[in-house]
Amino acid sequence: MKIKALWGFVGNAEKLNADSATIRAGDTFDDVDKDYAMALIGKGLAEAMDGKAAPKADKQAKPDVPVKAAASSNKQAKAGEGK
């Protein structure tokens, strides 16, 4: 699996097929152990380069309640506290 390091870190040179365990941001690795690559991608340290792996960026979850509605419900709760 091909990956690109997004952050510098000390990794497993054997699983990365690298000369050194010290990895710099921007380094690319061609034949990385798939489980190790997925672990690095999951931690946000690397991204997949071949398009066959997990998504390159996380999608942000949308709140169920609109922000304005949530703010007004908080005001109502505070108003009822004085009873």
Protein backbone atom coordinates (compact mmCIF):
# COMPACT_ATOMS: atom_id res chain seq x y z
CA MET A 1 0.00 0.00 0.00
CA LYS A 2 1.31 3.47 -0.85
CA ILE A 3 1.04 6.22 1.80
CA LYS A 4 2.24 9.77 2.39
CA ALA A 5 3.21 11.01 5.86
CA LEU A 6 1.23 14.08 6.95
CA TRP A 7 3.21 14.55 10.18
CA GLY A 8 6.71 13.72 11.34
CA PHE A 9 6.92 10.74 13.70
CA VAL A 10 9.09 7.81 14.71
CA GLY A 11 7.68 4.69 13.09
CA ASN A 12 8.49 1.08 12.33
CA ALA A 13 11.10 1.15 9.55
CA GLU A 14 10.62 -2.54 8.77
CA LYS A 15 6.86 -2.22 8.17
CA LEU A 16 7.34 1.00 6.18
CA ASN A 17 10.19 -0.54 4.13
CA ALA A 18 12.23 2.55 5.00
CA ASP A 19 15.91 3.07 5.79
CA SER A 20 15.19 4.96 9.02
CA ALA A 21 12.44 4.94 11.65
CA THR A 22 12.43 8.75 11.72
CA ILE A 23 9.69 9.90 9.33
CA ARG A 24 9.24 13.47 8.09
CA ALA A 25 6.04 15.07 6.85
CA GLY A 26 5.74 14.66 3.10
CA ASP A 27 7.70 11.38 2.90
CA THR A 28 6.05 8.75 0.71
CA PHE A 29 6.29 4.98 1.07
CA ASP A 30 5.36 2.48 -1.64
CA ASP A 31 5.09 -1.01 -0.19
CA VAL A 32 3.85 -0.50 3.40
CA ASP A 33 2.33 -3.28 5.50
CA LYS A 34 -1.45 -2.81 5.04
CA ASP A 35 -2.38 -3.12 8.74
CA TYR A 36 0.36 -0.67 9.74
CA ALA A 37 -0.66 1.77 7.00
CA MET A 38 -4.29 1.68 8.17
CA ALA A 39 -3.17 2.34 11.75
CA LEU A 40 -1.16 5.40 10.62
CA ILE A 41 -4.08 6.66 8.51
CA GLY A 42 -6.49 6.14 11.41
CA LYS A 43 -4.26 8.17 13.72
CA GLY A 44 -4.06 10.99 11.16
CA LEU A 45 -0.31 10.58 10.63
CA ALA A 46 -0.56 9.52 6.98
CA GLU A 47 -2.91 9.42 4.00
CA ALA A 48 -3.44 6.76 1.34
CA MET A 49 -1.95 7.53 -2.05
CA ASP A 50 -3.39 4.69 -4.16
CA GLY A 51 -7.09 5.40 -3.63
CA LYS A 52 -7.86 1.82 -2.56
CA ALA A 53 -7.90 2.48 1.16
CA ALA A 54 -9.93 4.48 3.65
CA PRO A 55 -11.07 8.03 2.80
CA LYS A 56 -8.32 10.64 2.86
CA ALA A 57 -10.30 13.08 5.02
CA ASP A 58 -12.90 12.63 7.70
CA LYS A 59 -16.36 14.02 7.08
CA GLN A 60 -17.66 16.24 9.86
CA ALA A 61 -20.90 15.09 11.44
CA LYS A 62 -23.85 17.44 11.17
CA PRO A 63 -25.80 18.18 14.35
CA ASP A 64 -29.37 16.83 14.52
CA VAL A 65 -30.66 20.09 15.97
CA PRO A 66 -29.91 23.39 14.23
CA VAL A 67 -27.59 25.63 16.24
CA LYS A 68 -30.20 28.38 16.75
CA ALA A 69 -32.80 25.90 17.98
CA ALA A 70 -30.32 24.38 20.43
CA ALA A 71 -29.45 27.83 21.79
CA SER A 72 -33.10 28.75 22.32
CA SER A 73 -33.81 25.45 24.12
CA ASN A 74 -30.93 26.24 26.49
CA LYS A 75 -32.47 29.64 27.27
CA GLN A 76 -35.80 27.99 28.04
CA ALA A 77 -34.13 25.58 30.44
CA LYS A 78 -32.42 28.44 32.28
CA ALA A 79 -35.67 30.38 32.55
CA GLY A 80 -37.34 27.39 34.24
CA GLU A 81 -34.59 26.97 36.85
CA GLY A 82 -36.00 29.71 39.10
CA LYS A 83 -39.22 27.79 39.88
